[in-house]
PDB file of N, CA and C in Angstrom:
ATOM      1  N   MET A   1      -0.010   1.193  27.894  1.00  0.00           N
ATOM      2  CA  MET A   1      -0.734   0.023  28.349  1.00  0.00           C
ATOM      3  C   MET A   1      -1.255  -0.754  27.144  1.00  0.00           C
ATOM      4  N   GLN A   2      -1.207  -2.057  27.247  1.00  0.00           N
ATOM      5  CA  GLN A   2      -1.764  -2.936  26.234  1.00  0.00           C
ATOM      6  C   GLN A   2      -3.064  -3.530  26.773  1.00  0.00           C
ATOM      7  N   THR A   3      -4.059  -3.637  25.922  1.00  0.00           N
ATOM      8  CA  THR A   3      -5.331  -4.210  26.329  1.00  0.00           C
ATOM      9  C   THR A   3      -5.513  -5.557  25.657  1.00  0.00           C
ATOM     10  N   CYS A   4      -5.784  -6.572  26.443  1.00  0.00           N
ATOM     11  CA  CYS A   4      -5.997  -7.931  25.944  1.00  0.00           C
ATOM     12  C   CYS A   4      -7.369  -8.005  25.282  1.00  0.00           C
ATOM     13  N   SER A   5      -7.426  -8.533  24.061  1.00  0.00           N
ATOM     14  CA  SER A   5      -8.720  -8.651  23.376  1.00  0.00           C
ATOM     15  C   SER A   5      -9.539  -9.821  23.905  1.00  0.00           C
ATOM     16  N   ASN A   6      -8.926 -10.715  24.673  1.00  0.00           N
ATOM     17  CA  ASN A   6      -9.656 -11.853  25.248  1.00  0.00           C
ATOM     18  C   ASN A   6     -10.419 -11.464  26.516  1.00  0.00           C
ATOM     19  N   CYS A   7      -9.708 -10.852  27.461  1.00  0.00           N
ATOM     20  CA  CYS A   7     -10.332 -10.563  28.767  1.00  0.00           C
ATOM     21  C   CYS A   7     -10.438  -9.070  29.061  1.00  0.00           C
ATOM     22  N   HIS A   8      -9.883  -8.230  28.187  1.00  0.00           N
ATOM     23  CA  HIS A   8      -9.931  -6.769  28.286  1.00  0.00           C
ATOM     24  C   HIS A   8      -9.156  -6.203  29.467  1.00  0.00           C
ATOM     25  N   ALA A   9      -8.252  -7.006  30.035  1.00  0.00           N
ATOM     26  CA  ALA A   9      -7.380  -6.506  31.100  1.00  0.00           C
ATOM     27  C   ALA A   9      -6.265  -5.676  30.479  1.00  0.00           C
ATOM     28  N   GLN A  10      -5.778  -4.698  31.219  1.00  0.00           N
ATOM     29  CA  GLN A  10      -4.670  -3.880  30.751  1.00  0.00           C
ATOM     30  C   GLN A  10      -3.377  -4.356  31.384  1.00  0.00           C
ATOM     31  N   SER A  11      -2.342  -4.451  30.545  1.00  0.00           N
ATOM     32  CA  SER A  11      -1.019  -4.873  30.985  1.00  0.00           C
ATOM     33  C   SER A  11      -0.013  -3.801  30.591  1.00  0.00           C
ATOM     34  N   PRO A  12       1.095  -3.703  31.312  1.00  0.00           N
ATOM     35  CA  PRO A  12       2.117  -2.701  30.957  1.00  0.00           C
ATOM     36  C   PRO A  12       2.686  -2.968  29.562  1.00  0.00           C
ATOM     37  N   ASP A  13       3.230  -1.924  28.944  1.00  0.00           N
ATOM     38  CA  ASP A  13       3.831  -2.067  27.613  1.00  0.00           C
ATOM     39  C   ASP A  13       4.917  -3.130  27.579  1.00  0.00           C
ATOM     40  N   SER A  14       5.604  -3.322  28.676  1.00  0.00           N
ATOM     41  CA  SER A  14       6.717  -4.276  28.722  1.00  0.00           C
ATOM     42  C   SER A  14       6.262  -5.731  28.851  1.00  0.00           C
ATOM     43  N   ALA A  15       4.997  -5.962  29.132  1.00  0.00           N
ATOM     44  CA  ALA A  15       4.489  -7.329  29.333  1.00  0.00           C
ATOM     45  C   ALA A  15       4.369  -8.064  27.997  1.00  0.00           C
ATOM     46  N   HIS A  16       4.709  -9.336  28.009  1.00  0.00           N
ATOM     47  CA  HIS A  16       4.556 -10.187  26.831  1.00  0.00           C
ATOM     48  C   HIS A  16       3.280 -11.016  26.922  1.00  0.00           C
ATOM     49  N   ASN A  17       2.790 -11.187  28.144  1.00  0.00           N
ATOM     50  CA  ASN A  17       1.558 -11.948  28.366  1.00  0.00           C
ATOM     51  C   ASN A  17       0.601 -11.109  29.201  1.00  0.00           C
ATOM     52  N   CYS A  18      -0.688 -11.329  28.978  1.00  0.00           N
ATOM     53  CA  CYS A  18      -1.729 -10.627  29.732  1.00  0.00           C
ATOM     54  C   CYS A  18      -1.577 -10.941  31.219  1.00  0.00           C
ATOM     55  N   ILE A  19      -1.691  -9.905  32.045  1.00  0.00           N
ATOM     56  CA  ILE A  19      -1.542 -10.119  33.482  1.00  0.00           C
ATOM     57  C   ILE A  19      -2.724 -10.873  34.071  1.00  0.00           C
ATOM     58  N   ASN A  20      -3.840 -10.948  33.346  1.00  0.00           N
ATOM     59  CA  ASN A  20      -5.031 -11.621  33.849  1.00  0.00           C
ATOM     60  C   ASN A  20      -5.153 -13.054  33.323  1.00  0.00           C
ATOM     61  N   CYS A  21      -5.158 -13.207  31.986  1.00  0.00           N
ATOM     62  CA  CYS A  21      -5.415 -14.535  31.401  1.00  0.00           C
ATOM     63  C   CYS A  21      -4.172 -15.194  30.806  1.00  0.00           C
ATOM     64  N   GLN A  22      -3.039 -14.515  30.859  1.00  0.00           N
ATOM     65  CA  GLN A  22      -1.753 -15.028  30.363  1.00  0.00           C
ATOM     66  C   GLN A  22      -1.684 -15.207  28.845  1.00  0.00           C
ATOM     67  N   ALA A  23      -2.624 -14.620  28.096  1.00  0.00           N
ATOM     68  CA  ALA A  23      -2.598 -14.705  26.633  1.00  0.00           C
ATOM     69  C   ALA A  23      -1.376 -13.965  26.094  1.00  0.00           C
ATOM     70  N   ASP A  24      -0.860 -14.427  24.960  1.00  0.00           N
ATOM     71  CA  ASP A  24       0.283 -13.804  24.298  1.00  0.00           C
ATOM     72  C   ASP A  24      -0.165 -12.470  23.698  1.00  0.00           C
ATOM     73  N   LEU A  25       0.324 -11.366  24.230  1.00  0.00           N
ATOM     74  CA  LEU A  25      -0.116 -10.050  23.786  1.00  0.00           C
ATOM     75  C   LEU A  25       0.368  -9.704  22.378  1.00  0.00           C
ATOM     76  N   ASP A  26       1.409 -10.380  21.887  1.00  0.00           N
ATOM     77  CA  ASP A  26       1.825 -10.168  20.501  1.00  0.00           C
ATOM     78  C   ASP A  26       0.736 -10.626  19.538  1.00  0.00           C
ATOM     79  N   GLU A  27      -0.132 -11.509  19.993  1.00  0.00           N
ATOM     80  CA  GLU A  27      -1.220 -12.035  19.161  1.00  0.00           C
ATOM     81  C   GLU A  27      -2.587 -11.500  19.575  1.00  0.00           C
ATOM     82  N   THR A  28      -2.770 -11.238  20.861  1.00  0.00           N
ATOM     83  CA  THR A  28      -4.121 -10.937  21.359  1.00  0.00           C
ATOM     84  C   THR A  28      -4.347  -9.503  21.829  1.00  0.00           C
ATOM     85  N   SER A  29      -3.324  -8.656  21.801  1.00  0.00           N
ATOM     86  CA  SER A  29      -3.583  -7.264  22.192  1.00  0.00           C
ATOM     87  C   SER A  29      -4.535  -6.650  21.171  1.00  0.00           C
ATOM     88  N   GLU A  30      -5.278  -5.655  21.584  1.00  0.00           N
ATOM     89  CA  GLU A  30      -6.239  -5.027  20.677  1.00  0.00           C
ATOM     90  C   GLU A  30      -5.550  -4.437  19.449  1.00  0.00           C
ATOM     91  N   THR A  31      -4.341  -3.911  19.614  1.00  0.00           N
ATOM     92  CA  THR A  31      -3.641  -3.356  18.459  1.00  0.00           C
ATOM     93  C   THR A  31      -3.176  -4.455  17.509  1.00  0.00           C
ATOM     94  N   ALA A  32      -2.740  -5.596  18.037  1.00  0.00           N
ATOM     95  CA  ALA A  32      -2.314  -6.714  17.185  1.00  0.00           C
ATOM     96  C   ALA A  32      -3.495  -7.276  16.393  1.00  0.00           C
ATOM     97  N   VAL A  33      -4.646  -7.376  17.028  1.00  0.00           N
ATOM     98  CA  VAL A  33      -5.853  -7.872  16.357  1.00  0.00           C
ATOM     99  C   VAL A  33      -6.276  -6.897  15.259  1.00  0.00           C
ATOM    100  N   ALA A  34      -6.241  -5.595  15.550  1.00  0.00           N
ATOM    101  CA  ALA A  34      -6.608  -4.586  14.551  1.00  0.00           C
ATOM    102  C   ALA A  34      -5.666  -4.644  13.354  1.00  0.00           C
ATOM    103  N   LEU A  35      -4.372  -4.771  13.615  1.00  0.00           N
ATOM    104  CA  LEU A  35      -3.402  -4.839  12.524  1.00  0.00           C
ATOM    105  C   LEU A  35      -3.663  -6.053  11.637  1.00  0.00           C
ATOM    106  N   ARG A  36      -3.929  -7.200  12.229  1.00  0.00           N
ATOM    107  CA  ARG A  36      -4.211  -8.403  11.433  1.00  0.00           C
ATOM    108  C   ARG A  36      -5.437  -8.208  10.546  1.00  0.00           C
ATOM    109  N   LYS A  37      -6.469  -7.567  11.076  1.00  0.00           N
ATOM    110  CA  LYS A  37      -7.671  -7.301  10.275  1.00  0.00           C
ATOM    111  C   LYS A  37      -7.347  -6.395   9.092  1.00  0.00           C
ATOM    112  N   PHE A  38      -6.540  -5.376   9.314  1.00  0.00           N
ATOM    113  CA  PHE A  38      -6.145  -4.490   8.221  1.00  0.00           C
ATOM    114  C   PHE A  38      -5.310  -5.247   7.191  1.00  0.00           C
ATOM    115  N   GLN A  39      -4.395  -6.085   7.656  1.00  0.00           N
ATOM    116  CA  GLN A  39      -3.542  -6.841   6.739  1.00  0.00           C
ATOM    117  C   GLN A  39      -4.337  -7.852   5.926  1.00  0.00           C
ATOM    118  N   ASP A  40      -5.398  -8.395   6.488  1.00  0.00           N
ATOM    119  CA  ASP A  40      -6.227  -9.377   5.789  1.00  0.00           C
ATOM    120  C   ASP A  40      -7.236  -8.737   4.838  1.00  0.00           C
ATOM    121  N   ASN A  41      -7.432  -7.441   4.934  1.00  0.00           N
ATOM    122  CA  ASN A  41      -8.419  -6.742   4.116  1.00  0.00           C
ATOM    123  C   ASN A  41      -7.780  -6.316   2.795  1.00  0.00           C
ATOM    124  N   SER A  42      -8.298  -6.812   1.697  1.00  0.00           N
ATOM    125  CA  SER A  42      -7.714  -6.517   0.384  1.00  0.00           C
ATOM    126  C   SER A  42      -7.866  -5.047  -0.016  1.00  0.00           C
ATOM    127  N   ARG A  43      -8.783  -4.320   0.604  1.00  0.00           N
ATOM    128  CA  ARG A  43      -8.950  -2.896   0.288  1.00  0.00           C
ATOM    129  C   ARG A  43      -7.935  -2.010   0.988  1.00  0.00           C
ATOM    130  N   VAL A  44      -7.222  -2.533   1.972  1.00  0.00           N
ATOM    131  CA  VAL A  44      -6.221  -1.757   2.702  1.00  0.00           C
ATOM    132  C   VAL A  44      -4.881  -1.895   1.989  1.00  0.00           C
ATOM    133  N   ARG A  45      -4.314  -0.768   1.567  1.00  0.00           N
ATOM    134  CA  ARG A  45      -3.018  -0.788   0.881  1.00  0.00           C
ATOM    135  C   ARG A  45      -1.875  -0.478   1.854  1.00  0.00           C
ATOM    136  N   TYR A  46      -2.074   0.531   2.693  1.00  0.00           N
ATOM    137  CA  TYR A  46      -1.072   0.937   3.682  1.00  0.00           C
ATOM    138  C   TYR A  46      -1.730   0.992   5.054  1.00  0.00           C
ATOM    139  N   VAL A  47      -0.892   0.915   6.083  1.00  0.00           N
ATOM    140  CA  VAL A  47      -1.362   1.097   7.454  1.00  0.00           C
ATOM    141  C   VAL A  47      -0.545   2.244   8.040  1.00  0.00           C
ATOM    142  N   ARG A  48      -1.253   3.211   8.574  1.00  0.00           N
ATOM    143  CA  ARG A  48      -0.606   4.378   9.168  1.00  0.00           C
ATOM    144  C   ARG A  48      -0.462   4.170  10.662  1.00  0.00           C
ATOM    145  N   LEU A  49       0.718   4.469  11.175  1.00  0.00           N
ATOM    146  CA  LEU A  49       0.942   4.457  12.615  1.00  0.00           C
ATOM    147  C   LEU A  49       0.695   5.885  13.090  1.00  0.00           C
ATOM    148  N   VAL A  50      -0.344   6.059  13.892  1.00  0.00           N
ATOM    149  CA  VAL A  50      -0.777   7.382  14.355  1.00  0.00           C
ATOM    150  C   VAL A  50      -0.256   7.596  15.771  1.00  0.00           C
ATOM    151  N   VAL A  51       0.294   8.784  16.015  1.00  0.00           N
ATOM    152  CA  VAL A  51       0.821   9.128  17.331  1.00  0.00           C
ATOM    153  C   VAL A  51       0.033  10.298  17.904  1.00  0.00           C
ATOM    154  N   SER A  52       0.084  10.464  19.217  1.00  0.00           N
ATOM    155  CA  SER A  52      -0.615  11.577  19.856  1.00  0.00           C
ATOM    156  C   SER A  52       0.230  12.847  19.752  1.00  0.00           C
ATOM    157  N   ASP A  53      -0.400  13.984  20.018  1.00  0.00           N
ATOM    158  CA  ASP A  53       0.308  15.269  19.954  1.00  0.00           C
ATOM    159  C   ASP A  53       1.448  15.348  20.965  1.00  0.00           C
ATOM    160  N   LYS A  54       1.265  14.702  22.105  1.00  0.00           N
ATOM    161  CA  LYS A  54       2.278  14.779  23.170  1.00  0.00           C
ATOM    162  C   LYS A  54       3.019  13.452  23.318  1.00  0.00           C
ATOM    163  N   CYS A  55       3.379  12.853  22.191  1.00  0.00           N
ATOM    164  CA  CYS A  55       4.058  11.552  22.246  1.00  0.00           C
ATOM    165  C   CYS A  55       5.549  11.737  22.531  1.00  0.00           C
ATOM    166  N   CYS A  56       6.198  10.637  22.825  1.00  0.00           N
ATOM    167  CA  CYS A  56       7.631  10.649  23.102  1.00  0.00           C
ATOM    168  C   CYS A  56       8.421  10.668  21.782  1.00  0.00           C
ATOM    169  N   PRO A  57       9.709  10.938  21.827  1.00  0.00           N
ATOM    170  CA  PRO A  57      10.521  10.969  20.604  1.00  0.00           C
ATOM    171  C   PRO A  57      10.549   9.633  19.847  1.00  0.00           C
ATOM    172  N   ALA A  58      10.531   8.525  20.562  1.00  0.00           N
ATOM    173  CA  ALA A  58      10.563   7.216  19.893  1.00  0.00           C
ATOM    174  C   ALA A  58       9.307   7.011  19.057  1.00  0.00           C
ATOM    175  N   CYS A  59       8.170   7.392  19.583  1.00  0.00           N
ATOM    176  CA  CYS A  59       6.910   7.257  18.841  1.00  0.00           C
ATOM    177  C   CYS A  59       6.858   8.247  17.682  1.00  0.00           C
ATOM    178  N   ARG A  60       7.302   9.471  17.900  1.00  0.00           N
ATOM    179  CA  ARG A  60       7.301  10.483  16.833  1.00  0.00           C
ATOM    180  C   ARG A  60       8.127   9.994  15.645  1.00  0.00           C
ATOM    181  N   GLU A  61       9.221   9.327  15.926  1.00  0.00           N
ATOM    182  CA  GLU A  61      10.093   8.810  14.864  1.00  0.00           C
ATOM    183  C   GLU A  61       9.405   7.712  14.038  1.00  0.00           C
ATOM    184  N   MET A  62       8.503   6.970  14.646  1.00  0.00           N
ATOM    185  CA  MET A  62       7.835   5.856  13.955  1.00  0.00           C
ATOM    186  C   MET A  62       6.578   6.296  13.202  1.00  0.00           C
ATOM    187  N   GLU A  63       6.126   7.512  13.436  1.00  0.00           N
ATOM    188  CA  GLU A  63       4.902   8.003  12.803  1.00  0.00           C
ATOM    189  C   GLU A  63       5.016   7.923  11.283  1.00  0.00           C
ATOM    190  N   GLY A  64       3.922   7.487  10.638  1.00  0.00           N
ATOM    191  CA  GLY A  64       3.896   7.458   9.185  1.00  0.00           C
ATOM    192  C   GLY A  64       3.110   6.292   8.642  1.00  0.00           C
ATOM    193  N   ALA A  65       3.061   6.206   7.306  1.00  0.00           N
ATOM    194  CA  ALA A  65       2.349   5.126   6.623  1.00  0.00           C
ATOM    195  C   ALA A  65       3.345   4.073   6.167  1.00  0.00           C
ATOM    196  N   TYR A  66       2.947   2.808   6.300  1.00  0.00           N
ATOM    197  CA  TYR A  66       3.799   1.679   5.964  1.00  0.00           C
ATOM    198  C   TYR A  66       3.041   0.720   5.058  1.00  0.00           C
ATOM    199  N   PRO A  67       3.749   0.049   4.134  1.00  0.00           N
ATOM    200  CA  PRO A  67       3.102  -1.061   3.432  1.00  0.00           C
ATOM    201  C   PRO A  67       2.596  -2.041   4.480  1.00  0.00           C
ATOM    202  N   LYS A  68       1.436  -2.631   4.252  1.00  0.00           N
ATOM    203  CA  LYS A  68       0.800  -3.397   5.326  1.00  0.00           C
ATOM    204  C   LYS A  68       1.589  -4.615   5.780  1.00  0.00           C
ATOM    205  N   ASP A  69       2.595  -5.034   5.036  1.00  0.00           N
ATOM    206  CA  ASP A  69       3.430  -6.155   5.482  1.00  0.00           C
ATOM    207  C   ASP A  69       4.709  -5.679   6.181  1.00  0.00           C
ATOM    208  N   GLN A  70       4.853  -4.356   6.377  1.00  0.00           N
ATOM    209  CA  GLN A  70       6.055  -3.807   7.006  1.00  0.00           C
ATOM    210  C   GLN A  70       5.743  -2.880   8.183  1.00  0.00           C
ATOM    211  N   VAL A  71       4.570  -3.022   8.748  1.00  0.00           N
ATOM    212  CA  VAL A  71       4.137  -2.139   9.834  1.00  0.00           C
ATOM    213  C   VAL A  71       4.862  -2.501  11.130  1.00  0.00           C
ATOM    214  N   PRO A  72       5.406  -1.514  11.833  1.00  0.00           N
ATOM    215  CA  PRO A  72       6.063  -1.800  13.114  1.00  0.00           C
ATOM    216  C   PRO A  72       5.068  -2.278  14.169  1.00  0.00           C
ATOM    217  N   HIS A  73       5.564  -3.083  15.063  1.00  0.00           N
ATOM    218  CA  HIS A  73       4.771  -3.642  16.159  1.00  0.00           C
ATOM    219  C   HIS A  73       4.492  -2.558  17.198  1.00  0.00           C
ATOM    220  N   LEU A  74       3.312  -2.600  17.777  1.00  0.00           N
ATOM    221  CA  LEU A  74       2.967  -1.729  18.904  1.00  0.00           C
ATOM    222  C   LEU A  74       2.876  -2.563  20.168  1.00  0.00           C
ATOM    223  N   PRO A  75       3.280  -2.050  21.322  1.00  0.00           N
ATOM    224  CA  PRO A  75       3.758  -0.702  21.589  1.00  0.00           C
ATOM    225  C   PRO A  75       5.146  -0.479  20.998  1.00  0.00           C
ATOM    226  N   VAL A  76       5.437   0.794  20.688  1.00  0.00           N
ATOM    227  CA  VAL A  76       6.725   1.165  20.107  1.00  0.00           C
ATOM    228  C   VAL A  76       7.820   0.866  21.116  1.00  0.00           C
ATOM    229  N   GLU A  77       8.834   0.142  20.650  1.00  0.00           N
ATOM    230  CA  GLU A  77       9.966  -0.174  21.518  1.00  0.00           C
ATOM    231  C   GLU A  77      10.691   1.120  21.872  1.00  0.00           C
ATOM    232  N   GLY A  78      10.943   1.324  23.145  1.00  0.00           N
ATOM    233  CA  GLY A  78      11.629   2.524  23.600  1.00  0.00           C
ATOM    234  C   GLY A  78      10.704   3.678  23.928  1.00  0.00           C
ATOM    235  N   CYS A  79       9.396   3.452  23.881  1.00  0.00           N
ATOM    236  CA  CYS A  79       8.447   4.508  24.239  1.00  0.00           C
ATOM    237  C   CYS A  79       8.695   4.926  25.688  1.00  0.00           C
ATOM    238  N   SER A  80       8.783   6.235  25.886  1.00  0.00           N
ATOM    239  CA  SER A  80       9.083   6.734  27.236  1.00  0.00           C
ATOM    240  C   SER A  80       7.943   7.576  27.819  1.00  0.00           C
ATOM    241  N   HIS A  81       6.774   7.523  27.220  1.00  0.00           N
ATOM    242  CA  HIS A  81       5.647   8.295  27.744  1.00  0.00           C
ATOM    243  C   HIS A  81       5.238   7.739  29.102  1.00  0.00           C
ATOM    244  N   ALA A  82       4.901   8.605  30.021  1.00  0.00           N
ATOM    245  CA  ALA A  82       4.549   8.201  31.388  1.00  0.00           C
ATOM    246  C   ALA A  82       3.362   7.239  31.421  1.00  0.00           C
ATOM    247  N   ASN A  83       2.425   7.374  30.489  1.00  0.00           N
ATOM    248  CA  ASN A  83       1.245   6.505  30.452  1.00  0.00           C
ATOM    249  C   ASN A  83       1.420   5.328  29.507  1.00  0.00           C
ATOM    250  N   GLY A  84       2.594   5.140  28.978  1.00  0.00           N
ATOM    251  CA  GLY A  84       2.843   4.058  28.037  1.00  0.00           C
ATOM    252  C   GLY A  84       2.507   4.479  26.619  1.00  0.00           C
ATOM    253  N   CYS A  85       2.785   3.613  25.686  1.00  0.00           N
ATOM    254  CA  CYS A  85       2.573   3.905  24.269  1.00  0.00           C
ATOM    255  C   CYS A  85       1.079   4.077  23.983  1.00  0.00           C
ATOM    256  N   ARG A  86       0.752   5.183  23.335  1.00  0.00           N
ATOM    257  CA  ARG A  86      -0.644   5.471  23.000  1.00  0.00           C
ATOM    258  C   ARG A  86      -0.860   5.514  21.490  1.00  0.00           C
ATOM    259  N   CYS A  87       0.078   4.959  20.742  1.00  0.00           N
ATOM    260  CA  CYS A  87      -0.037   4.920  19.286  1.00  0.00           C
ATOM    261  C   CYS A  87      -1.123   3.930  18.875  1.00  0.00           C
ATOM    262  N   PHE A  88      -1.630   4.113  17.661  1.00  0.00           N
ATOM    263  CA  PHE A  88      -2.608   3.168  17.131  1.00  0.00           C
ATOM    264  C   PHE A  88      -2.481   3.099  15.618  1.00  0.00           C
ATOM    265  N   TYR A  89      -3.129   2.110  15.034  1.00  0.00           N
ATOM    266  CA  TYR A  89      -3.096   1.899  13.592  1.00  0.00           C
ATOM    267  C   TYR A  89      -4.339   2.486  12.929  1.00  0.00           C
ATOM    268  N   GLN A  90      -4.153   2.954  11.696  1.00  0.00           N
ATOM    269  CA  GLN A  90      -5.255   3.467  10.888  1.00  0.00           C
ATOM    270  C   GLN A  90      -5.043   2.973   9.459  1.00  0.00           C
ATOM    271  N   PRO A  91      -6.091   2.430   8.816  1.00  0.00           N
ATOM    272  CA  PRO A  91      -5.911   1.899   7.464  1.00  0.00           C
ATOM    273  C   PRO A  91      -5.961   2.984   6.393  1.00  0.00           C
ATOM    274  N   PHE A  92      -5.179   2.798   5.326  1.00  0.00           N
ATOM    275  CA  PHE A  92      -5.295   3.582   4.097  1.00  0.00           C
ATOM    276  C   PHE A  92      -5.959   2.664   3.089  1.00  0.00           C
ATOM    277  N   LEU A  93      -7.148   3.032   2.644  1.00  0.00           N
ATOM    278  CA  LEU A  93      -7.912   2.183   1.743  1.00  0.00           C
ATOM    279  C   LEU A  93      -7.607   2.481   0.285  1.00  0.00           C
ATOM    280  N   THR A  94      -7.639   1.441  -0.565  1.00  0.00           N
ATOM    281  CA  THR A  94      -7.480   1.634  -2.001  1.00  0.00           C
ATOM    282  C   THR A  94      -8.795   2.068  -2.623  1.00  0.00           C
ATOM    283  N   GLU A  95      -9.908   1.711  -2.014  1.00  0.00           N
ATOM    284  CA  GLU A  95     -11.220   2.143  -2.459  1.00  0.00           C
ATOM    285  C   GLU A  95     -12.117   2.292  -1.241  1.00  0.00           C
ATOM    286  N   ILE A  96     -13.031   3.231  -1.317  1.00  0.00           N
ATOM    287  CA  ILE A  96     -13.898   3.486  -0.163  1.00  0.00           C
ATOM    288  C   ILE A  96     -15.222   2.744  -0.281  1.00  0.00           C
ATOM    289  N   PHE A  97     -15.787   2.700  -1.466  1.00  0.00           N
ATOM    290  CA  PHE A  97     -17.078   2.054  -1.659  1.00  0.00           C
ATOM    291  C   PHE A  97     -16.888   0.701  -2.334  1.00  0.00           C
ATOM    292  N   PRO A  98     -17.771  -0.266  -2.022  1.00  0.00           N
ATOM    293  CA  PRO A  98     -17.638  -1.598  -2.634  1.00  0.00           C
ATOM    294  C   PRO A  98     -17.846  -1.598  -4.131  1.00  0.00           C
TER     295      PRO A  98
END
């Protein structure tokens, strides 16, 4: 499931627009917003795609750290988990303290 950052409605992984407000989920899903924040942060060097313990094979294959300009889009294409893609992004920082 994708969650719209505008209205917080949940839409299926296959949806391109929010089922409630029709926002473009490629831009407004919570995962897309988080990724943009990581990409805009100069302290973030890599972005890790984190998968759950019981993820599908497609998600397991995508698990790992990526340069922040090469991170795969979520939800993972081909995800076959019954509850939809549950992957998320996690930043790798170049420095922890300012």
